[in-house]
Every structure is written in structure tokens, then in C-alpha cells.
């Protein structure tokens, strides 16, 4: 953990490079001490059916959910959330200068007792990671 899930409106295709946004979020998360690199996952889902604000189909959105295991102090979570939101906003700022785009980020804690994990990613990380 953490896992980052981006939902974005389909009308942002061609306006925002979503693959590059995923990498930007991954790189920002890797710089945050509280996020173990081996647990970072960033994925994006295009949302084809959207109705926003006044109904103008030009409005778009990017909604980022951060899921992580519980146990971190509030100030550590707030700092991490601010840094991730800053990376998202910085990446999307050029598009926001010409488009109607709503950004949101939410952090959710997961109860470790009810979230089972298994994987071999750590076994395959380069020594420098």
C-alpha cells in the first residue's frame, strides 16, 4: 500500500496524458517516506458517462482516491495528501488554464485485518529502490 485510483472523465482524453499522470503520481508517492515503494500502485479508469454542474459536456474531472493501511499519524497523512494533490494539480495546471476541470483527492484508510495481501514485487525490486 498505498494504492492510487484515478477516475477521469472521457472528455479529457487527448487533453491530459493519463499515462504520464499515473507516472507523475507514482514518482511523487515514491518520494514520500510513509509510502513503501513496493506497495505503490497507480491505475486510471476512464469514465464514459458523466453529468456535471450545469450539464455542459465540456466540463471534465479527475478524482484521485488514495487507499492505505491504517496506523499513520494524522499529520503524516495530511502531508502525504498535500504532496500528492500538489503533484496532480501541477501536472494538470496547463490543461486547467484552457478547460473546465474539477480535481479532487481523497485518502481512505484500510483496516489491515480485512485486507489481505500477497505478492512478490519486493523480491524483484532493484537494490537501489
N, C-alpha and C. Protein backbone atom coordinates (compact mmCIF):
# COMPACT_ATOMS: atom_id res chain seq x y z
N UNK A 1 0.86 -1.17 0.00
CA UNK A 1 0.00 0.00 0.00
C UNK A 1 0.90 1.23 0.00
N UNK A 2 0.60 2.26 -0.62
CA UNK A 2 -0.71 2.76 -0.98
C UNK A 2 -1.09 2.43 -2.42
N UNK A 3 -2.39 2.44 -2.64
CA UNK A 3 -2.92 2.30 -3.98
C UNK A 3 -3.58 3.62 -4.36
N UNK A 4 -3.35 4.05 -5.59
CA UNK A 4 -3.90 5.30 -6.12
C UNK A 4 -4.81 4.94 -7.28
N UNK A 5 -6.05 5.37 -7.20
CA UNK A 5 -7.00 5.09 -8.27
C UNK A 5 -7.53 6.41 -8.80
N UNK A 6 -7.29 6.63 -10.08
CA UNK A 6 -7.73 7.85 -10.75
C UNK A 6 -8.96 7.52 -11.59
N UNK A 7 -10.05 8.22 -11.32
CA UNK A 7 -11.21 8.22 -12.22
C UNK A 7 -11.15 9.54 -12.97
N UNK A 8 -11.34 9.49 -14.28
CA UNK A 8 -11.30 10.73 -15.06
C UNK A 8 -12.37 10.68 -16.15
N UNK A 9 -12.90 11.85 -16.46
CA UNK A 9 -13.94 11.93 -17.49
C UNK A 9 -13.32 11.72 -18.87
N UNK A 10 -14.06 11.00 -19.70
CA UNK A 10 -13.57 10.62 -21.02
C UNK A 10 -13.22 11.83 -21.88
N UNK A 11 -13.85 12.97 -21.62
CA UNK A 11 -13.57 14.15 -22.45
C UNK A 11 -12.19 14.74 -22.20
N UNK A 12 -11.44 14.17 -21.26
CA UNK A 12 -10.07 14.64 -21.03
C UNK A 12 -9.03 13.85 -21.85
N UNK A 13 -9.49 12.79 -22.52
CA UNK A 13 -8.59 12.05 -23.42
C UNK A 13 -8.07 13.03 -24.47
N UNK A 14 -6.80 13.03 -24.72
CA UNK A 14 -6.22 13.94 -25.69
C UNK A 14 -5.93 15.32 -25.12
N UNK A 15 -6.43 15.60 -23.94
CA UNK A 15 -6.17 16.88 -23.26
C UNK A 15 -5.15 16.67 -22.15
N UNK A 16 -5.30 15.58 -21.41
CA UNK A 16 -4.39 15.22 -20.32
C UNK A 16 -3.80 13.86 -20.65
N UNK A 17 -2.48 13.74 -20.60
CA UNK A 17 -1.81 12.46 -20.83
C UNK A 17 -1.96 11.63 -19.56
N UNK A 18 -2.93 10.74 -19.55
CA UNK A 18 -3.26 9.98 -18.34
C UNK A 18 -2.13 9.03 -17.95
N UNK A 19 -1.46 8.43 -18.91
CA UNK A 19 -0.32 7.56 -18.60
C UNK A 19 0.79 8.33 -17.90
N UNK A 20 1.07 9.54 -18.40
CA UNK A 20 2.08 10.38 -17.76
C UNK A 20 1.61 10.86 -16.39
N UNK A 21 0.31 11.09 -16.23
CA UNK A 21 -0.22 11.45 -14.92
C UNK A 21 -0.01 10.32 -13.93
N UNK A 22 -0.26 9.10 -14.35
CA UNK A 22 -0.02 7.93 -13.47
C UNK A 22 1.43 7.89 -13.03
N UNK A 23 2.35 8.11 -13.96
CA UNK A 23 3.78 8.10 -13.61
C UNK A 23 4.12 9.26 -12.69
N UNK A 24 3.52 10.42 -12.89
CA UNK A 24 3.76 11.57 -12.02
C UNK A 24 3.32 11.27 -10.59
N UNK A 25 2.16 10.65 -10.44
CA UNK A 25 1.66 10.29 -9.11
C UNK A 25 2.57 9.23 -8.49
N UNK A 26 2.99 8.23 -9.28
CA UNK A 26 3.89 7.19 -8.76
C UNK A 26 5.19 7.79 -8.27
N UNK A 27 5.77 8.67 -9.08
CA UNK A 27 7.05 9.29 -8.70
C UNK A 27 6.90 10.16 -7.46
N UNK A 28 5.81 10.89 -7.35
CA UNK A 28 5.59 11.73 -6.16
C UNK A 28 5.42 10.85 -4.93
N UNK A 29 4.68 9.76 -5.07
CA UNK A 29 4.47 8.85 -3.93
C UNK A 29 5.77 8.20 -3.49
N UNK A 30 6.63 7.87 -4.45
CA UNK A 30 7.91 7.23 -4.12
C UNK A 30 8.82 8.15 -3.32
N UNK A 31 8.58 9.46 -3.39
CA UNK A 31 9.38 10.43 -2.64
C UNK A 31 8.88 10.62 -1.20
N UNK A 32 7.74 10.04 -0.89
CA UNK A 32 7.12 10.22 0.42
C UNK A 32 7.49 9.04 1.31
N UNK A 33 8.17 9.32 2.39
CA UNK A 33 8.73 8.26 3.23
C UNK A 33 7.68 7.28 3.75
N UNK A 34 6.50 7.74 4.04
CA UNK A 34 5.49 6.87 4.63
C UNK A 34 4.90 5.86 3.65
N UNK A 35 5.19 6.03 2.35
CA UNK A 35 4.68 5.12 1.33
C UNK A 35 5.77 4.15 0.90
N UNK A 36 5.68 2.87 1.26
CA UNK A 36 6.68 1.91 0.81
C UNK A 36 6.61 1.75 -0.72
N UNK A 37 7.75 1.88 -1.36
CA UNK A 37 7.81 1.85 -2.83
C UNK A 37 7.21 0.57 -3.39
N UNK A 38 7.48 -0.56 -2.77
CA UNK A 38 6.98 -1.84 -3.29
C UNK A 38 5.45 -1.91 -3.27
N UNK A 39 4.82 -1.09 -2.46
CA UNK A 39 3.36 -1.15 -2.37
C UNK A 39 2.64 -0.16 -3.25
N UNK A 40 3.36 0.70 -3.93
CA UNK A 40 2.72 1.74 -4.74
C UNK A 40 2.09 1.14 -5.99
N UNK A 41 0.82 1.45 -6.18
CA UNK A 41 0.07 1.05 -7.38
C UNK A 41 -0.71 2.27 -7.84
N UNK A 42 -0.59 2.62 -9.10
CA UNK A 42 -1.36 3.73 -9.66
C UNK A 42 -2.10 3.20 -10.87
N UNK A 43 -3.40 3.41 -10.89
CA UNK A 43 -4.20 2.98 -12.03
C UNK A 43 -5.24 4.05 -12.35
N UNK A 44 -5.71 4.05 -13.57
CA UNK A 44 -6.68 5.06 -14.01
C UNK A 44 -7.82 4.38 -14.75
N UNK A 45 -9.00 4.88 -14.51
CA UNK A 45 -10.20 4.38 -15.17
C UNK A 45 -10.92 5.53 -15.84
N UNK A 46 -11.15 5.39 -17.12
CA UNK A 46 -11.90 6.40 -17.87
C UNK A 46 -13.39 6.23 -17.58
N UNK A 47 -14.06 7.33 -17.33
CA UNK A 47 -15.49 7.32 -17.05
C UNK A 47 -16.20 7.89 -18.28
N UNK A 48 -16.96 7.05 -18.96
CA UNK A 48 -17.58 7.46 -20.21
C UNK A 48 -18.88 8.24 -20.02
N UNK A 49 -19.58 8.01 -18.95
CA UNK A 49 -20.87 8.64 -18.74
C UNK A 49 -20.76 9.59 -17.56
N UNK A 50 -20.91 10.89 -17.85
CA UNK A 50 -20.69 11.94 -16.86
C UNK A 50 -21.74 13.02 -17.03
N UNK A 51 -22.24 13.54 -15.93
CA UNK A 51 -23.08 14.74 -15.94
C UNK A 51 -22.56 15.63 -14.82
N UNK A 52 -22.20 16.86 -15.14
CA UNK A 52 -21.58 17.76 -14.16
C UNK A 52 -22.24 19.13 -14.19
N UNK A 53 -22.20 19.79 -13.07
CA UNK A 53 -22.53 21.20 -12.90
C UNK A 53 -23.78 21.59 -13.68
N UNK A 54 -23.64 22.45 -14.69
CA UNK A 54 -24.78 22.95 -15.46
C UNK A 54 -25.12 22.07 -16.66
N UNK A 55 -24.48 20.91 -16.73
CA UNK A 55 -24.77 19.99 -17.82
C UNK A 55 -23.93 20.19 -19.06
N UNK A 56 -23.04 21.17 -19.06
CA UNK A 56 -22.18 21.41 -20.21
C UNK A 56 -21.23 20.22 -20.37
N UNK A 57 -21.25 19.57 -21.53
CA UNK A 57 -20.41 18.38 -21.71
C UNK A 57 -18.91 18.68 -21.79
N UNK A 58 -18.54 19.93 -21.78
CA UNK A 58 -17.11 20.28 -21.82
C UNK A 58 -16.45 20.19 -20.43
N UNK A 59 -17.28 20.17 -19.36
CA UNK A 59 -16.71 20.05 -18.02
C UNK A 59 -16.07 18.66 -17.88
N UNK A 60 -14.92 18.62 -17.23
CA UNK A 60 -14.25 17.34 -17.00
C UNK A 60 -13.83 17.22 -15.55
N UNK A 61 -13.40 16.04 -15.17
CA UNK A 61 -12.95 15.84 -13.79
C UNK A 61 -11.85 14.80 -13.72
N UNK A 62 -11.05 14.94 -12.67
CA UNK A 62 -10.09 13.91 -12.27
C UNK A 62 -10.27 13.75 -10.78
N UNK A 63 -10.61 12.54 -10.38
CA UNK A 63 -10.84 12.21 -8.97
C UNK A 63 -9.83 11.14 -8.58
N UNK A 64 -8.99 11.45 -7.62
CA UNK A 64 -7.94 10.53 -7.18
C UNK A 64 -8.26 10.03 -5.77
N UNK A 65 -8.32 8.72 -5.64
CA UNK A 65 -8.51 8.10 -4.33
C UNK A 65 -7.20 7.44 -3.92
N UNK A 66 -6.77 7.72 -2.70
CA UNK A 66 -5.56 7.12 -2.13
C UNK A 66 -6.03 6.15 -1.04
N UNK A 67 -5.72 4.87 -1.22
CA UNK A 67 -6.05 3.88 -0.19
C UNK A 67 -4.76 3.42 0.47
N UNK A 68 -4.74 3.41 1.80
CA UNK A 68 -3.57 2.93 2.50
C UNK A 68 -3.98 2.29 3.82
N UNK A 69 -3.09 1.46 4.30
CA UNK A 69 -3.36 0.79 5.58
C UNK A 69 -3.35 1.81 6.70
N UNK A 70 -4.14 1.52 7.71
CA UNK A 70 -4.26 2.44 8.84
C UNK A 70 -3.00 2.43 9.70
N UNK A 71 -2.96 3.36 10.64
CA UNK A 71 -1.85 3.38 11.58
C UNK A 71 -0.92 4.57 11.47
N UNK A 72 -1.08 5.40 10.45
CA UNK A 72 -0.22 6.56 10.32
C UNK A 72 -0.83 7.75 11.07
N UNK A 73 0.02 8.58 11.67
CA UNK A 73 -0.50 9.77 12.37
C UNK A 73 -1.16 10.74 11.37
N UNK A 74 -2.10 11.52 11.87
CA UNK A 74 -2.86 12.46 11.03
C UNK A 74 -1.95 13.44 10.29
N UNK A 75 -0.92 13.95 10.95
CA UNK A 75 -0.05 14.93 10.29
C UNK A 75 0.74 14.30 9.14
N UNK A 76 1.11 13.05 9.27
CA UNK A 76 1.84 12.34 8.21
C UNK A 76 0.91 12.12 7.01
N UNK A 77 -0.33 11.72 7.29
CA UNK A 77 -1.30 11.51 6.21
C UNK A 77 -1.61 12.83 5.50
N UNK A 78 -1.79 13.90 6.27
CA UNK A 78 -2.11 15.20 5.69
C UNK A 78 -0.98 15.70 4.80
N UNK A 79 0.26 15.55 5.27
CA UNK A 79 1.42 15.96 4.47
C UNK A 79 1.47 15.15 3.17
N UNK A 80 1.28 13.85 3.26
CA UNK A 80 1.31 13.00 2.06
C UNK A 80 0.19 13.39 1.10
N UNK A 81 -1.00 13.64 1.62
CA UNK A 81 -2.12 14.02 0.78
C UNK A 81 -1.86 15.36 0.09
N UNK A 82 -1.32 16.32 0.83
CA UNK A 82 -0.99 17.62 0.24
C UNK A 82 0.04 17.49 -0.88
N UNK A 83 1.03 16.63 -0.67
CA UNK A 83 2.08 16.46 -1.68
C UNK A 83 1.55 15.77 -2.94
N UNK A 84 0.69 14.77 -2.75
CA UNK A 84 0.10 14.08 -3.90
C UNK A 84 -0.84 15.02 -4.65
N UNK A 85 -1.65 15.79 -3.91
CA UNK A 85 -2.55 16.74 -4.57
C UNK A 85 -1.75 17.80 -5.32
N UNK A 86 -0.63 18.23 -4.74
CA UNK A 86 0.24 19.19 -5.43
C UNK A 86 0.79 18.64 -6.73
N UNK A 87 1.17 17.36 -6.72
CA UNK A 87 1.68 16.73 -7.96
C UNK A 87 0.58 16.65 -9.00
N UNK A 88 -0.62 16.26 -8.60
CA UNK A 88 -1.75 16.19 -9.51
C UNK A 88 -2.06 17.57 -10.09
N UNK A 89 -2.19 18.55 -9.21
CA UNK A 89 -2.54 19.89 -9.65
C UNK A 89 -1.46 20.46 -10.58
N UNK A 90 -0.21 20.29 -10.21
CA UNK A 90 0.88 20.79 -11.05
C UNK A 90 0.87 20.17 -12.44
N UNK A 91 0.56 18.89 -12.50
CA UNK A 91 0.53 18.20 -13.79
C UNK A 91 -0.62 18.69 -14.66
N UNK A 92 -1.77 18.96 -14.04
CA UNK A 92 -2.98 19.30 -14.78
C UNK A 92 -3.14 20.80 -15.01
N UNK A 93 -2.36 21.62 -14.29
CA UNK A 93 -2.49 23.08 -14.41
C UNK A 93 -2.53 23.59 -15.85
N UNK A 94 -1.65 23.13 -16.75
CA UNK A 94 -1.71 23.65 -18.12
C UNK A 94 -3.07 23.39 -18.79
N UNK A 95 -3.64 22.23 -18.58
CA UNK A 95 -4.94 21.92 -19.17
C UNK A 95 -6.04 22.74 -18.51
N UNK A 96 -5.90 23.00 -17.21
CA UNK A 96 -6.91 23.76 -16.49
C UNK A 96 -6.94 25.23 -16.92
N UNK A 97 -5.87 25.70 -17.51
CA UNK A 97 -5.82 27.08 -17.98
C UNK A 97 -6.78 27.31 -19.15
N UNK A 98 -7.14 26.23 -19.84
CA UNK A 98 -8.00 26.36 -21.02
C UNK A 98 -9.27 25.53 -20.95
N UNK A 99 -9.41 24.71 -19.92
CA UNK A 99 -10.54 23.79 -19.81
C UNK A 99 -11.18 23.87 -18.44
N UNK A 100 -12.45 23.50 -18.38
CA UNK A 100 -13.17 23.37 -17.12
C UNK A 100 -12.91 21.96 -16.57
N UNK A 101 -12.07 21.89 -15.53
CA UNK A 101 -11.70 20.59 -14.94
C UNK A 101 -11.80 20.70 -13.42
N UNK A 102 -12.48 19.75 -12.83
CA UNK A 102 -12.58 19.67 -11.37
C UNK A 102 -11.61 18.60 -10.89
N UNK A 103 -10.80 18.93 -9.88
CA UNK A 103 -9.85 17.98 -9.29
C UNK A 103 -10.29 17.65 -7.87
N UNK A 104 -10.11 16.41 -7.48
CA UNK A 104 -10.36 16.02 -6.08
C UNK A 104 -9.45 14.87 -5.71
N UNK A 105 -9.07 14.85 -4.44
CA UNK A 105 -8.25 13.77 -3.89
C UNK A 105 -8.83 13.41 -2.53
N UNK A 106 -8.95 12.12 -2.29
CA UNK A 106 -9.45 11.64 -1.01
C UNK A 106 -8.57 10.49 -0.53
N UNK A 107 -8.25 10.48 0.75
CA UNK A 107 -7.47 9.40 1.34
C UNK A 107 -8.40 8.53 2.17
N UNK A 108 -8.29 7.22 1.98
CA UNK A 108 -9.10 6.26 2.73
C UNK A 108 -8.18 5.27 3.42
N UNK A 109 -8.44 5.05 4.67
CA UNK A 109 -7.66 4.05 5.41
C UNK A 109 -8.34 2.70 5.32
N UNK A 110 -7.50 1.68 5.21
CA UNK A 110 -7.98 0.31 5.11
C UNK A 110 -7.61 -0.43 6.40
N UNK A 111 -8.55 -1.12 6.96
CA UNK A 111 -8.32 -1.94 8.13
C UNK A 111 -7.53 -3.18 7.70
N UNK A 112 -6.31 -3.30 8.16
CA UNK A 112 -5.41 -4.38 7.74
C UNK A 112 -5.99 -5.77 8.01
N UNK A 113 -6.80 -5.88 9.03
CA UNK A 113 -7.40 -7.18 9.36
C UNK A 113 -8.31 -7.68 8.24
N UNK A 114 -8.88 -6.76 7.48
CA UNK A 114 -9.82 -7.14 6.44
C UNK A 114 -9.31 -6.82 5.03
N UNK A 115 -8.00 -6.78 4.89
CA UNK A 115 -7.37 -6.50 3.59
C UNK A 115 -6.15 -7.39 3.45
N UNK A 116 -6.33 -8.53 2.82
CA UNK A 116 -5.24 -9.49 2.69
C UNK A 116 -4.39 -9.14 1.47
N UNK A 117 -3.10 -9.34 1.60
CA UNK A 117 -2.16 -9.02 0.52
C UNK A 117 -1.13 -10.14 0.40
N UNK A 118 -0.71 -10.38 -0.84
CA UNK A 118 0.39 -11.29 -1.10
C UNK A 118 0.99 -10.91 -2.44
N UNK A 119 2.28 -10.93 -2.55
CA UNK A 119 2.92 -10.63 -3.82
C UNK A 119 4.42 -10.85 -3.75
N UNK A 120 5.04 -10.79 -4.90
CA UNK A 120 6.49 -11.00 -4.98
C UNK A 120 7.21 -9.76 -5.51
N UNK A 121 6.56 -8.62 -5.50
CA UNK A 121 7.18 -7.40 -6.03
C UNK A 121 8.48 -7.10 -5.29
N UNK A 122 8.46 -7.18 -3.97
CA UNK A 122 9.67 -6.87 -3.19
C UNK A 122 10.83 -7.78 -3.58
N UNK A 123 10.53 -9.01 -3.96
CA UNK A 123 11.57 -9.95 -4.37
C UNK A 123 12.26 -9.54 -5.68
N UNK A 124 11.58 -8.66 -6.44
CA UNK A 124 12.08 -8.31 -7.76
C UNK A 124 12.47 -6.84 -7.90
N UNK A 125 12.46 -6.11 -6.80
CA UNK A 125 12.88 -4.71 -6.84
C UNK A 125 14.38 -4.64 -7.00
N UNK A 126 14.84 -3.63 -7.71
CA UNK A 126 16.27 -3.40 -7.84
C UNK A 126 16.80 -2.95 -6.49
N UNK A 127 18.03 -3.24 -6.20
CA UNK A 127 18.63 -2.93 -4.91
C UNK A 127 18.57 -1.43 -4.59
N UNK A 128 18.57 -0.58 -5.60
CA UNK A 128 18.57 0.87 -5.35
C UNK A 128 17.19 1.39 -4.98
N UNK A 129 16.14 0.60 -5.19
CA UNK A 129 14.77 1.08 -4.92
C UNK A 129 14.43 1.03 -3.46
